[in-house]
mmCIF file of all heavy atoms, coordinates in Angstrom:
data_MODEL
# 
_entry.id   MODEL 
# 
loop_
_atom_site.group_PDB 
_atom_site.id 
_atom_site.type_symbol 
_atom_site.label_atom_id 
_atom_site.label_alt_id 
_atom_site.label_comp_id 
_atom_site.label_asym_id 
_atom_site.label_entity_id 
_atom_site.label_seq_id 
_atom_site.pdbx_PDB_ins_code 
_atom_site.Cartn_x 
_atom_site.Cartn_y 
_atom_site.Cartn_z 
_atom_site.occupancy 
_atom_site.B_iso_or_equiv 
_atom_site.pdbx_formal_charge 
_atom_site.auth_seq_id 
_atom_site.auth_comp_id 
_atom_site.auth_asym_id 
_atom_site.auth_atom_id 
_atom_site.pdbx_PDB_model_num 
ATOM 1   N N   . PRO A 1 1  ? 40.185 3.144  -64.712  1.00 0.00 ? 1  PRO A N   1 
ATOM 2   C CA  . PRO A 1 1  ? 40.363 3.286  -66.160  1.00 0.00 ? 1  PRO A CA  1 
ATOM 3   C C   . PRO A 1 1  ? 41.572 4.154  -66.546  1.00 0.00 ? 1  PRO A C   1 
ATOM 4   O O   . PRO A 1 1  ? 41.834 5.167  -65.875  1.00 0.00 ? 1  PRO A O   1 
ATOM 5   C CB  . PRO A 1 1  ? 39.069 3.932  -66.619  1.00 0.00 ? 1  PRO A CB  1 
ATOM 6   C CG  . PRO A 1 1  ? 38.499 4.608  -65.421  1.00 0.00 ? 1  PRO A CG  1 
ATOM 7   C CD  . PRO A 1 1  ? 38.953 3.769  -64.246  1.00 0.00 ? 1  PRO A CD  1 
ATOM 8   N N   . PHE A 1 2  ? 42.319 3.724  -67.568  1.00 0.00 ? 2  PHE A N   1 
ATOM 9   C CA  . PHE A 1 2  ? 43.451 4.474  -68.095  1.00 0.00 ? 2  PHE A CA  1 
ATOM 10  C C   . PHE A 1 2  ? 43.371 4.482  -69.630  1.00 0.00 ? 2  PHE A C   1 
ATOM 11  O O   . PHE A 1 2  ? 42.998 3.443  -70.215  1.00 0.00 ? 2  PHE A O   1 
ATOM 12  C CB  . PHE A 1 2  ? 44.794 3.813  -67.657  1.00 0.00 ? 2  PHE A CB  1 
ATOM 13  C CG  . PHE A 1 2  ? 45.205 4.166  -66.259  1.00 0.00 ? 2  PHE A CG  1 
ATOM 14  C CD1 . PHE A 1 2  ? 44.729 3.439  -65.187  1.00 0.00 ? 2  PHE A CD1 1 
ATOM 15  C CD2 . PHE A 1 2  ? 46.073 5.226  -66.027  1.00 0.00 ? 2  PHE A CD2 1 
ATOM 16  C CE1 . PHE A 1 2  ? 45.104 3.712  -63.882  1.00 0.00 ? 2  PHE A CE1 1 
ATOM 17  C CE2 . PHE A 1 2  ? 46.456 5.520  -64.735  1.00 0.00 ? 2  PHE A CE2 1 
ATOM 18  C CZ  . PHE A 1 2  ? 45.985 4.778  -63.669  1.00 0.00 ? 2  PHE A CZ  1 
ATOM 19  N N   . PRO A 1 3  ? 43.776 5.596  -70.247  1.00 0.00 ? 3  PRO A N   1 
ATOM 20  C CA  . PRO A 1 3  ? 43.774 5.626  -71.720  1.00 0.00 ? 3  PRO A CA  1 
ATOM 21  C C   . PRO A 1 3  ? 44.905 4.737  -72.260  1.00 0.00 ? 3  PRO A C   1 
ATOM 22  O O   . PRO A 1 3  ? 46.037 4.809  -71.774  1.00 0.00 ? 3  PRO A O   1 
ATOM 23  C CB  . PRO A 1 3  ? 44.027 7.083  -72.052  1.00 0.00 ? 3  PRO A CB  1 
ATOM 24  C CG  . PRO A 1 3  ? 43.878 7.850  -70.767  1.00 0.00 ? 3  PRO A CG  1 
ATOM 25  C CD  . PRO A 1 3  ? 44.115 6.886  -69.665  1.00 0.00 ? 3  PRO A CD  1 
ATOM 26  N N   . VAL A 1 4  ? 44.608 3.945  -73.280  1.00 0.00 ? 4  VAL A N   1 
ATOM 27  C CA  . VAL A 1 4  ? 45.588 3.093  -73.892  1.00 0.00 ? 4  VAL A CA  1 
ATOM 28  C C   . VAL A 1 4  ? 45.554 3.278  -75.393  1.00 0.00 ? 4  VAL A C   1 
ATOM 29  O O   . VAL A 1 4  ? 44.642 3.856  -75.973  1.00 0.00 ? 4  VAL A O   1 
ATOM 30  C CB  . VAL A 1 4  ? 45.338 1.606  -73.528  1.00 0.00 ? 4  VAL A CB  1 
ATOM 31  C CG1 . VAL A 1 4  ? 45.427 1.394  -72.038  1.00 0.00 ? 4  VAL A CG1 1 
ATOM 32  C CG2 . VAL A 1 4  ? 43.994 1.148  -74.090  1.00 0.00 ? 4  VAL A CG2 1 
ATOM 33  N N   . GLN A 1 5  ? 46.601 2.727  -76.053  1.00 0.00 ? 5  GLN A N   1 
ATOM 34  C CA  . GLN A 1 5  ? 46.716 2.849  -77.512  1.00 0.00 ? 5  GLN A CA  1 
ATOM 35  C C   . GLN A 1 5  ? 47.399 1.556  -78.052  1.00 0.00 ? 5  GLN A C   1 
ATOM 36  O O   . GLN A 1 5  ? 48.355 1.079  -77.471  1.00 0.00 ? 5  GLN A O   1 
ATOM 37  C CB  . GLN A 1 5  ? 47.553 4.069  -77.890  1.00 0.00 ? 5  GLN A CB  1 
ATOM 38  C CG  . GLN A 1 5  ? 47.666 4.327  -79.360  1.00 0.00 ? 5  GLN A CG  1 
ATOM 39  C CD  . GLN A 1 5  ? 48.413 5.602  -79.684  1.00 0.00 ? 5  GLN A CD  1 
ATOM 40  O OE1 . GLN A 1 5  ? 48.134 6.650  -79.106  1.00 0.00 ? 5  GLN A OE1 1 
ATOM 41  N NE2 . GLN A 1 5  ? 49.428 5.516  -80.507  1.00 0.00 ? 5  GLN A NE2 1 
ATOM 42  N N   . THR A 1 6  ? 46.819 1.053  -79.119  1.00 0.00 ? 6  THR A N   1 
ATOM 43  C CA  . THR A 1 6  ? 47.382 -0.132 -79.748  1.00 0.00 ? 6  THR A CA  1 
ATOM 44  C C   . THR A 1 6  ? 48.516 0.263  -80.703  1.00 0.00 ? 6  THR A C   1 
ATOM 45  O O   . THR A 1 6  ? 48.369 1.197  -81.494  1.00 0.00 ? 6  THR A O   1 
ATOM 46  C CB  . THR A 1 6  ? 46.310 -0.893 -80.540  1.00 0.00 ? 6  THR A CB  1 
ATOM 47  O OG1 . THR A 1 6  ? 45.214 -1.233 -79.640  1.00 0.00 ? 6  THR A OG1 1 
ATOM 48  C CG2 . THR A 1 6  ? 46.853 -2.169 -81.132  1.00 0.00 ? 6  THR A CG2 1 
ATOM 49  N N   . ILE A 1 7  ? 49.629 -0.414 -80.596  1.00 0.00 ? 7  ILE A N   1 
ATOM 50  C CA  . ILE A 1 7  ? 50.815 -0.094 -81.396  1.00 0.00 ? 7  ILE A CA  1 
ATOM 51  C C   . ILE A 1 7  ? 50.614 -0.521 -82.834  1.00 0.00 ? 7  ILE A C   1 
ATOM 52  O O   . ILE A 1 7  ? 50.262 -1.653 -83.132  1.00 0.00 ? 7  ILE A O   1 
ATOM 53  C CB  . ILE A 1 7  ? 52.073 -0.770 -80.825  1.00 0.00 ? 7  ILE A CB  1 
ATOM 54  C CG1 . ILE A 1 7  ? 52.355 -0.265 -79.390  1.00 0.00 ? 7  ILE A CG1 1 
ATOM 55  C CG2 . ILE A 1 7  ? 53.271 -0.545 -81.721  1.00 0.00 ? 7  ILE A CG2 1 
ATOM 56  C CD1 . ILE A 1 7  ? 52.599 1.193  -79.305  1.00 0.00 ? 7  ILE A CD1 1 
ATOM 57  N N   . THR A 1 8  ? 50.844 0.451  -83.740  1.00 0.00 ? 8  THR A N   1 
ATOM 58  C CA  . THR A 1 8  ? 50.833 0.166  -85.182  1.00 0.00 ? 8  THR A CA  1 
ATOM 59  C C   . THR A 1 8  ? 52.085 0.797  -85.811  1.00 0.00 ? 8  THR A C   1 
ATOM 60  O O   . THR A 1 8  ? 52.777 1.582  -85.155  1.00 0.00 ? 8  THR A O   1 
ATOM 61  C CB  . THR A 1 8  ? 49.592 0.800  -85.835  1.00 0.00 ? 8  THR A CB  1 
ATOM 62  O OG1 . THR A 1 8  ? 49.598 2.235  -85.625  1.00 0.00 ? 8  THR A OG1 1 
ATOM 63  C CG2 . THR A 1 8  ? 48.318 0.203  -85.289  1.00 0.00 ? 8  THR A CG2 1 
ATOM 64  N N   . THR A 1 9  ? 52.372 0.402  -87.011  1.00 0.00 ? 9  THR A N   1 
ATOM 65  C CA  . THR A 1 9  ? 53.505 1.001  -87.755  1.00 0.00 ? 9  THR A CA  1 
ATOM 66  C C   . THR A 1 9  ? 52.976 2.081  -88.680  1.00 0.00 ? 9  THR A C   1 
ATOM 67  O O   . THR A 1 9  ? 51.905 1.929  -89.270  1.00 0.00 ? 9  THR A O   1 
ATOM 68  C CB  . THR A 1 9  ? 54.277 -0.040 -88.538  1.00 0.00 ? 9  THR A CB  1 
ATOM 69  O OG1 . THR A 1 9  ? 53.382 -0.695 -89.459  1.00 0.00 ? 9  THR A OG1 1 
ATOM 70  C CG2 . THR A 1 9  ? 54.895 -1.069 -87.608  1.00 0.00 ? 9  THR A CG2 1 
ATOM 71  N N   . ASN A 1 10 ? 53.748 3.184  -88.782  1.00 0.00 ? 10 ASN A N   1 
ATOM 72  C CA  . ASN A 1 10 ? 53.353 4.328  -89.604  1.00 0.00 ? 10 ASN A CA  1 
ATOM 73  C C   . ASN A 1 10 ? 54.567 4.929  -90.271  1.00 0.00 ? 10 ASN A C   1 
ATOM 74  O O   . ASN A 1 10 ? 55.691 4.605  -89.898  1.00 0.00 ? 10 ASN A O   1 
ATOM 75  C CB  . ASN A 1 10 ? 52.630 5.362  -88.758  1.00 0.00 ? 10 ASN A CB  1 
ATOM 76  C CG  . ASN A 1 10 ? 51.374 4.869  -88.091  1.00 0.00 ? 10 ASN A CG  1 
ATOM 77  O OD1 . ASN A 1 10 ? 50.303 4.885  -88.663  1.00 0.00 ? 10 ASN A OD1 1 
ATOM 78  N ND2 . ASN A 1 10 ? 51.494 4.407  -86.848  1.00 0.00 ? 10 ASN A ND2 1 
ATOM 79  N N   . ASP A 1 11 ? 54.302 5.825  -91.180  1.00 0.00 ? 11 ASP A N   1 
ATOM 80  C CA  . ASP A 1 11 ? 55.397 6.635  -91.770  1.00 0.00 ? 11 ASP A CA  1 
ATOM 81  C C   . ASP A 1 11 ? 55.543 7.908  -90.933  1.00 0.00 ? 11 ASP A C   1 
ATOM 82  O O   . ASP A 1 11 ? 54.554 8.513  -90.505  1.00 0.00 ? 11 ASP A O   1 
ATOM 83  C CB  . ASP A 1 11 ? 55.065 7.016  -93.208  1.00 0.00 ? 11 ASP A CB  1 
ATOM 84  C CG  . ASP A 1 11 ? 55.050 5.810  -94.126  1.00 0.00 ? 11 ASP A CG  1 
ATOM 85  O OD1 . ASP A 1 11 ? 55.719 4.826  -93.781  1.00 0.00 ? 11 ASP A OD1 1 
ATOM 86  O OD2 . ASP A 1 11 ? 54.375 5.846  -95.172  1.00 0.00 ? 11 ASP A OD2 1 
ATOM 87  N N   . ALA A 1 12 ? 56.770 8.311  -90.688  1.00 0.00 ? 12 ALA A N   1 
ATOM 88  C CA  . ALA A 1 12 ? 57.060 9.474  -89.851  1.00 0.00 ? 12 ALA A CA  1 
ATOM 89  C C   . ALA A 1 12 ? 58.041 10.404 -90.520  1.00 0.00 ? 12 ALA A C   1 
ATOM 90  O O   . ALA A 1 12 ? 58.932 9.936  -91.248  1.00 0.00 ? 12 ALA A O   1 
ATOM 91  C CB  . ALA A 1 12 ? 57.581 9.043  -88.494  1.00 0.00 ? 12 ALA A CB  1 
ATOM 92  N N   . THR A 1 13 ? 57.900 11.678 -90.236  1.00 0.00 ? 13 THR A N   1 
ATOM 93  C CA  . THR A 1 13 ? 58.852 12.696 -90.726  1.00 0.00 ? 13 THR A CA  1 
ATOM 94  C C   . THR A 1 13 ? 59.685 13.178 -89.547  1.00 0.00 ? 13 THR A C   1 
ATOM 95  O O   . THR A 1 13 ? 59.162 13.714 -88.598  1.00 0.00 ? 13 THR A O   1 
ATOM 96  C CB  . THR A 1 13 ? 58.130 13.858 -91.392  1.00 0.00 ? 13 THR A CB  1 
ATOM 97  O OG1 . THR A 1 13 ? 57.277 13.383 -92.438  1.00 0.00 ? 13 THR A OG1 1 
ATOM 98  C CG2 . THR A 1 13 ? 59.115 14.869 -91.948  1.00 0.00 ? 13 THR A CG2 1 
ATOM 99  N N   . VAL A 1 14 ? 60.983 12.980 -89.661  1.00 0.00 ? 14 VAL A N   1 
ATOM 100 C CA  . VAL A 1 14 ? 61.906 13.471 -88.662  1.00 0.00 ? 14 VAL A CA  1 
ATOM 101 C C   . VAL A 1 14 ? 62.669 14.648 -89.232  1.00 0.00 ? 14 VAL A C   1 
ATOM 102 O O   . VAL A 1 14 ? 63.152 14.605 -90.357  1.00 0.00 ? 14 VAL A O   1 
ATOM 103 C CB  . VAL A 1 14 ? 62.894 12.363 -88.240  1.00 0.00 ? 14 VAL A CB  1 
ATOM 104 C CG1 . VAL A 1 14 ? 63.885 12.876 -87.198  1.00 0.00 ? 14 VAL A CG1 1 
ATOM 105 C CG2 . VAL A 1 14 ? 62.143 11.158 -87.734  1.00 0.00 ? 14 VAL A CG2 1 
ATOM 106 N N   . TYR A 1 15 ? 62.801 15.727 -88.429  1.00 0.00 ? 15 TYR A N   1 
ATOM 107 C CA  . TYR A 1 15 ? 63.459 16.936 -88.908  1.00 0.00 ? 15 TYR A CA  1 
ATOM 108 C C   . TYR A 1 15 ? 64.846 17.001 -88.271  1.00 0.00 ? 15 TYR A C   1 
ATOM 109 O O   . TYR A 1 15 ? 64.985 17.018 -87.058  1.00 0.00 ? 15 TYR A O   1 
ATOM 110 C CB  . TYR A 1 15 ? 62.668 18.171 -88.569  1.00 0.00 ? 15 TYR A CB  1 
ATOM 111 C CG  . TYR A 1 15 ? 61.391 18.314 -89.364  1.00 0.00 ? 15 TYR A CG  1 
ATOM 112 C CD1 . TYR A 1 15 ? 60.178 17.856 -88.869  1.00 0.00 ? 15 TYR A CD1 1 
ATOM 113 C CD2 . TYR A 1 15 ? 61.412 18.879 -90.646  1.00 0.00 ? 15 TYR A CD2 1 
ATOM 114 C CE1 . TYR A 1 15 ? 59.015 17.963 -89.603  1.00 0.00 ? 15 TYR A CE1 1 
ATOM 115 C CE2 . TYR A 1 15 ? 60.219 19.013 -91.389  1.00 0.00 ? 15 TYR A CE2 1 
ATOM 116 C CZ  . TYR A 1 15 ? 59.040 18.550 -90.878  1.00 0.00 ? 15 TYR A CZ  1 
ATOM 117 O OH  . TYR A 1 15 ? 57.912 18.647 -91.603  1.00 0.00 ? 15 TYR A OH  1 
ATOM 118 N N   . GLN A 1 16 ? 65.881 17.093 -89.156  1.00 0.00 ? 16 GLN A N   1 
ATOM 119 C CA  . GLN A 1 16 ? 67.238 17.360 -88.725  1.00 0.00 ? 16 GLN A CA  1 
ATOM 120 C C   . GLN A 1 16 ? 67.464 18.849 -88.805  1.00 0.00 ? 16 GLN A C   1 
ATOM 121 O O   . GLN A 1 16 ? 67.202 19.443 -89.888  1.00 0.00 ? 16 GLN A O   1 
ATOM 122 C CB  . GLN A 1 16 ? 68.235 16.585 -89.570  1.00 0.00 ? 16 GLN A CB  1 
ATOM 123 C CG  . GLN A 1 16 ? 68.034 15.093 -89.562  1.00 0.00 ? 16 GLN A CG  1 
ATOM 124 C CD  . GLN A 1 16 ? 68.395 14.439 -88.235  1.00 0.00 ? 16 GLN A CD  1 
ATOM 125 O OE1 . GLN A 1 16 ? 69.108 15.034 -87.451  1.00 0.00 ? 16 GLN A OE1 1 
ATOM 126 N NE2 . GLN A 1 16 ? 67.910 13.238 -87.996  1.00 0.00 ? 16 GLN A NE2 1 
ATOM 127 N N   . GLU A 1 17 ? 67.980 19.489 -87.776  1.00 0.00 ? 17 GLU A N   1 
ATOM 128 C CA  . GLU A 1 17 ? 68.136 20.924 -87.756  1.00 0.00 ? 17 GLU A CA  1 
ATOM 129 C C   . GLU A 1 17 ? 69.622 21.297 -87.731  1.00 0.00 ? 17 GLU A C   1 
ATOM 130 O O   . GLU A 1 17 ? 70.411 20.682 -87.005  1.00 0.00 ? 17 GLU A O   1 
ATOM 131 C CB  . GLU A 1 17 ? 67.429 21.542 -86.525  1.00 0.00 ? 17 GLU A CB  1 
ATOM 132 C CG  . GLU A 1 17 ? 65.921 21.288 -86.565  1.00 0.00 ? 17 GLU A CG  1 
ATOM 133 C CD  . GLU A 1 17 ? 65.208 21.998 -85.447  1.00 0.00 ? 17 GLU A CD  1 
ATOM 134 O OE1 . GLU A 1 17 ? 65.894 22.463 -84.483  1.00 0.00 ? 17 GLU A OE1 1 
ATOM 135 O OE2 . GLU A 1 17 ? 63.934 22.109 -85.470  1.00 0.00 ? 17 GLU A OE2 1 
ATOM 136 N N   . TYR A 1 18 ? 69.946 22.347 -88.520  1.00 0.00 ? 18 TYR A N   1 
ATOM 137 C CA  . TYR A 1 18 ? 71.342 22.792 -88.645  1.00 0.00 ? 18 TYR A CA  1 
ATOM 138 C C   . TYR A 1 18 ? 71.378 24.328 -88.616  1.00 0.00 ? 18 TYR A C   1 
ATOM 139 O O   . TYR A 1 18 ? 70.613 24.987 -89.317  1.00 0.00 ? 18 TYR A O   1 
ATOM 140 C CB  . TYR A 1 18 ? 71.957 22.289 -89.966  1.00 0.00 ? 18 TYR A CB  1 
ATOM 141 C CG  . TYR A 1 18 ? 71.788 20.811 -90.194  1.00 0.00 ? 18 TYR A CG  1 
ATOM 142 C CD1 . TYR A 1 18 ? 70.719 20.326 -90.955  1.00 0.00 ? 18 TYR A CD1 1 
ATOM 143 C CD2 . TYR A 1 18 ? 72.676 19.919 -89.623  1.00 0.00 ? 18 TYR A CD2 1 
ATOM 144 C CE1 . TYR A 1 18 ? 70.572 18.970 -91.173  1.00 0.00 ? 18 TYR A CE1 1 
ATOM 145 C CE2 . TYR A 1 18 ? 72.515 18.551 -89.857  1.00 0.00 ? 18 TYR A CE2 1 
ATOM 146 C CZ  . TYR A 1 18 ? 71.463 18.077 -90.604  1.00 0.00 ? 18 TYR A CZ  1 
ATOM 147 O OH  . TYR A 1 18 ? 71.270 16.731 -90.811  1.00 0.00 ? 18 TYR A OH  1 
ATOM 148 N N   . THR A 1 19 ? 72.266 24.865 -87.771  1.00 0.00 ? 19 THR A N   1 
ATOM 149 C CA  . THR A 1 19 ? 72.436 26.319 -87.708  1.00 0.00 ? 19 THR A CA  1 
ATOM 150 C C   . THR A 1 19 ? 73.058 26.822 -89.016  1.00 0.00 ? 19 THR A C   1 
ATOM 151 O O   . THR A 1 19 ? 74.020 26.233 -89.502  1.00 0.00 ? 19 THR A O   1 
ATOM 152 C CB  . THR A 1 19 ? 73.337 26.695 -86.520  1.00 0.00 ? 19 THR A CB  1 
ATOM 153 O OG1 . THR A 1 19 ? 72.751 26.182 -85.316  1.00 0.00 ? 19 THR A OG1 1 
ATOM 154 C CG2 . THR A 1 19 ? 73.492 28.206 -86.423  1.00 0.00 ? 19 THR A CG2 1 
ATOM 155 N N   . ALA A 1 20 ? 72.496 27.880 -89.555  1.00 0.00 ? 20 ALA A N   1 
ATOM 156 C CA  . ALA A 1 20 ? 72.943 28.372 -90.871  1.00 0.00 ? 20 ALA A CA  1 
ATOM 157 C C   . ALA A 1 20 ? 73.240 29.860 -90.842  1.00 0.00 ? 20 ALA A C   1 
ATOM 158 O O   . ALA A 1 20 ? 72.619 30.613 -90.063  1.00 0.00 ? 20 ALA A O   1 
ATOM 159 C CB  . ALA A 1 20 ? 71.849 28.063 -91.914  1.00 0.00 ? 20 ALA A CB  1 
ATOM 160 N N   . ASN A 1 21 ? 74.214 30.267 -91.675  1.00 0.00 ? 21 ASN A N   1 
ATOM 161 C CA  . ASN A 1 21 ? 74.502 31.657 -91.915  1.00 0.00 ? 21 ASN A CA  1 
ATOM 162 C C   . ASN A 1 21 ? 73.891 32.050 -93.274  1.00 0.00 ? 21 ASN A C   1 
ATOM 163 O O   . ASN A 1 21 ? 74.042 31.322 -94.268  1.00 0.00 ? 21 ASN A O   1 
ATOM 164 C CB  . ASN A 1 21 ? 76.002 31.917 -91.946  1.00 0.00 ? 21 ASN A CB  1 
ATOM 165 C CG  . ASN A 1 21 ? 76.643 31.616 -90.597  1.00 0.00 ? 21 ASN A CG  1 
ATOM 166 O OD1 . ASN A 1 21 ? 76.103 31.933 -89.546  1.00 0.00 ? 21 ASN A OD1 1 
ATOM 167 N ND2 . ASN A 1 21 ? 77.812 30.990 -90.612  1.00 0.00 ? 21 ASN A ND2 1 
ATOM 168 N N   . ILE A 1 22 ? 73.189 33.191 -93.290  1.00 0.00 ? 22 ILE A N   1 
ATOM 169 C CA  . ILE A 1 22 ? 72.467 33.607 -94.490  1.00 0.00 ? 22 ILE A CA  1 
ATOM 170 C C   . ILE A 1 22 ? 73.242 34.697 -95.213  1.00 0.00 ? 22 ILE A C   1 
ATOM 171 O O   . ILE A 1 22 ? 73.658 35.684 -94.599  1.00 0.00 ? 22 ILE A O   1 
ATOM 172 C CB  . ILE A 1 22 ? 71.063 34.085 -94.130  1.00 0.00 ? 22 ILE A CB  1 
ATOM 173 C CG1 . ILE A 1 22 ? 70.280 32.921 -93.473  1.00 0.00 ? 22 ILE A CG1 1 
ATOM 174 C CG2 . ILE A 1 22 ? 70.298 34.612 -95.329  1.00 0.00 ? 22 ILE A CG2 1 
ATOM 175 C CD1 . ILE A 1 22 ? 68.934 33.330 -92.910  1.00 0.00 ? 22 ILE A CD1 1 
ATOM 176 N N   . GLU A 1 23 ? 73.373 34.530 -96.539  1.00 0.00 ? 23 GLU A N   1 
ATOM 177 C CA  . GLU A 1 23 ? 74.049 35.517 -97.346  1.00 0.00 ? 23 GLU A CA  1 
ATOM 178 C C   . GLU A 1 23 ? 73.242 35.713 -98.637  1.00 0.00 ? 23 GLU A C   1 
ATOM 179 O O   . GLU A 1 23 ? 72.527 34.810 -99.077  1.00 0.00 ? 23 GLU A O   1 
ATOM 180 C CB  . GLU A 1 23 ? 75.466 35.099 -97.696  1.00 0.00 ? 23 GLU A CB  1 
ATOM 181 C CG  . GLU A 1 23 ? 76.408 35.013 -96.508  1.00 0.00 ? 23 GLU A CG  1 
ATOM 182 C CD  . GLU A 1 23 ? 77.827 34.633 -96.917  1.00 0.00 ? 23 GLU A CD  1 
ATOM 183 O OE1 . GLU A 1 23 ? 78.077 34.602 -98.137  1.00 0.00 ? 23 GLU A OE1 1 
ATOM 184 O OE2 . GLU A 1 23 ? 78.659 34.376 -96.013  1.00 0.00 ? 23 GLU A OE2 1 
ATOM 185 N N   . GLY A 1 24 ? 73.402 36.905 -99.244  1.00 0.00 ? 24 GLY A N   1 
ATOM 186 C CA  . GLY A 1 24 ? 72.791 37.138 -100.530 1.00 0.00 ? 24 GLY A CA  1 
ATOM 187 C C   . GLY A 1 24 ? 73.470 36.306 -101.570 1.00 0.00 ? 24 GLY A C   1 
ATOM 188 O O   . GLY A 1 24 ? 74.632 35.861 -101.426 1.00 0.00 ? 24 GLY A O   1 
ATOM 189 N N   . GLN A 1 25 ? 72.767 36.044 -102.697 1.00 0.00 ? 25 GLN A N   1 
ATOM 190 C CA  . GLN A 1 25 ? 73.357 35.223 -103.729 1.00 0.00 ? 25 GLN A CA  1 
ATOM 191 C C   . GLN A 1 25 ? 74.577 35.915 -104.359 1.00 0.00 ? 25 GLN A C   1 
ATOM 192 O O   . GLN A 1 25 ? 75.413 35.254 -104.985 1.00 0.00 ? 25 GLN A O   1 
ATOM 193 C CB  . GLN A 1 25 ? 72.325 34.925 -104.812 1.00 0.00 ? 25 GLN A CB  1 
ATOM 194 C CG  . GLN A 1 25 ? 71.870 36.149 -105.589 1.00 0.00 ? 25 GLN A CG  1 
ATOM 195 C CD  . GLN A 1 25 ? 70.956 35.778 -106.770 1.00 0.00 ? 25 GLN A CD  1 
ATOM 196 O OE1 . GLN A 1 25 ? 70.932 34.637 -107.197 1.00 0.00 ? 25 GLN A OE1 1 
ATOM 197 N NE2 . GLN A 1 25 ? 70.209 36.755 -107.271 1.00 0.00 ? 25 GLN A NE2 1 
ATOM 198 N N   . GLN A 1 26 ? 74.690 37.221 -104.168 1.00 0.00 ? 26 GLN A N   1 
ATOM 199 C CA  . GLN A 1 26 ? 75.843 37.934 -104.689 1.00 0.00 ? 26 GLN A CA  1 
ATOM 200 C C   . GLN A 1 26 ? 76.178 39.080 -103.735 1.00 0.00 ? 26 GLN A C   1 
ATOM 201 O O   . GLN A 1 26 ? 75.403 40.012 -103.566 1.00 0.00 ? 26 GLN A O   1 
ATOM 202 C CB  . GLN A 1 26 ? 75.520 38.498 -106.100 1.00 0.00 ? 26 GLN A CB  1 
ATOM 203 C CG  . GLN A 1 26 ? 76.731 39.014 -106.845 1.00 0.00 ? 26 GLN A CG  1 
ATOM 204 C CD  . GLN A 1 26 ? 76.400 39.439 -108.268 1.00 0.00 ? 26 GLN A CD  1 
ATOM 205 O OE1 . GLN A 1 26 ? 75.241 39.624 -108.616 1.00 0.00 ? 26 GLN A OE1 1 
ATOM 206 N NE2 . GLN A 1 26 ? 77.394 39.591 -109.103 1.00 0.00 ? 26 GLN A NE2 1 
ATOM 207 N N   . ASN A 1 27 ? 77.316 38.973 -103.070 1.00 0.00 ? 27 ASN A N   1 
ATOM 208 C CA  . ASN A 1 27 ? 77.810 40.011 -102.179 1.00 0.00 ? 27 ASN A CA  1 
ATOM 209 C C   . ASN A 1 27 ? 79.077 40.604 -102.810 1.00 0.00 ? 27 ASN A C   1 
ATOM 210 O O   . ASN A 1 27 ? 80.122 39.942 -102.811 1.00 0.00 ? 27 ASN A O   1 
ATOM 211 C CB  . ASN A 1 27 ? 78.121 39.448 -100.770 1.00 0.00 ? 27 ASN A CB  1 
ATOM 212 C CG  . ASN A 1 27 ? 76.854 39.165 -100.011 1.00 0.00 ? 27 ASN A CG  1 
ATOM 213 O OD1 . ASN A 1 27 ? 75.795 39.713 -100.285 1.00 0.00 ? 27 ASN A OD1 1 
ATOM 214 N ND2 . ASN A 1 27 ? 76.969 38.300 -99.041  1.00 0.00 ? 27 ASN A ND2 1 
ATOM 215 N N   . VAL A 1 28 ? 78.983 41.799 -103.346 1.00 0.00 ? 28 VAL A N   1 
ATOM 216 C CA  . VAL A 1 28 ? 80.101 42.406 -104.066 1.00 0.00 ? 28 VAL A CA  1 
ATOM 217 C C   . VAL A 1 28 ? 80.682 43.544 -103.225 1.00 0.00 ? 28 VAL A C   1 
ATOM 218 O O   . VAL A 1 28 ? 79.992 44.487 -102.864 1.00 0.00 ? 28 VAL A O   1 
ATOM 219 C CB  . VAL A 1 28 ? 79.637 42.975 -105.441 1.00 0.00 ? 28 VAL A CB  1 
ATOM 220 C CG1 . VAL A 1 28 ? 80.831 43.502 -106.219 1.00 0.00 ? 28 VAL A CG1 1 
ATOM 221 C CG2 . VAL A 1 28 ? 78.934 41.869 -106.237 1.00 0.00 ? 28 VAL A CG2 1 
ATOM 222 N N   . GLU A 1 29 ? 81.978 43.410 -102.912 1.00 0.00 ? 29 GLU A N   1 
ATOM 223 C CA  . GLU A 1 29 ? 82.661 44.472 -102.202 1.00 0.00 ? 29 GLU A CA  1 
ATOM 224 C C   . GLU A 1 29 ? 83.090 45.570 -103.200 1.00 0.00 ? 29 GLU A C   1 
ATOM 225 O O   . GLU A 1 29 ? 83.701 45.268 -104.229 1.00 0.00 ? 29 GLU A O   1 
ATOM 226 C CB  . GLU A 1 29 ? 83.925 43.937 -101.484 1.00 0.00 ? 29 GLU A CB  1 
ATOM 227 C CG  . GLU A 1 29 ? 83.578 43.004 -100.318 1.00 0.00 ? 29 GLU A CG  1 
ATOM 228 C CD  . GLU A 1 29 ? 84.808 42.565 -99.573  1.00 0.00 ? 29 GLU A CD  1 
ATOM 229 O OE1 . GLU A 1 29 ? 85.939 42.758 -100.122 1.00 0.00 ? 29 GLU A OE1 1 
ATOM 230 O OE2 . GLU A 1 29 ? 84.683 42.044 -98.457  1.00 0.00 ? 29 GLU A OE2 1 
# 
């Protein structure tokens, strides 16, 4: 015996990842 699964179509969420630099909304020198 082996576990099996029947193929179906579904909705999926894919995450795209991006490296980000964080700054305050106002940086005053």
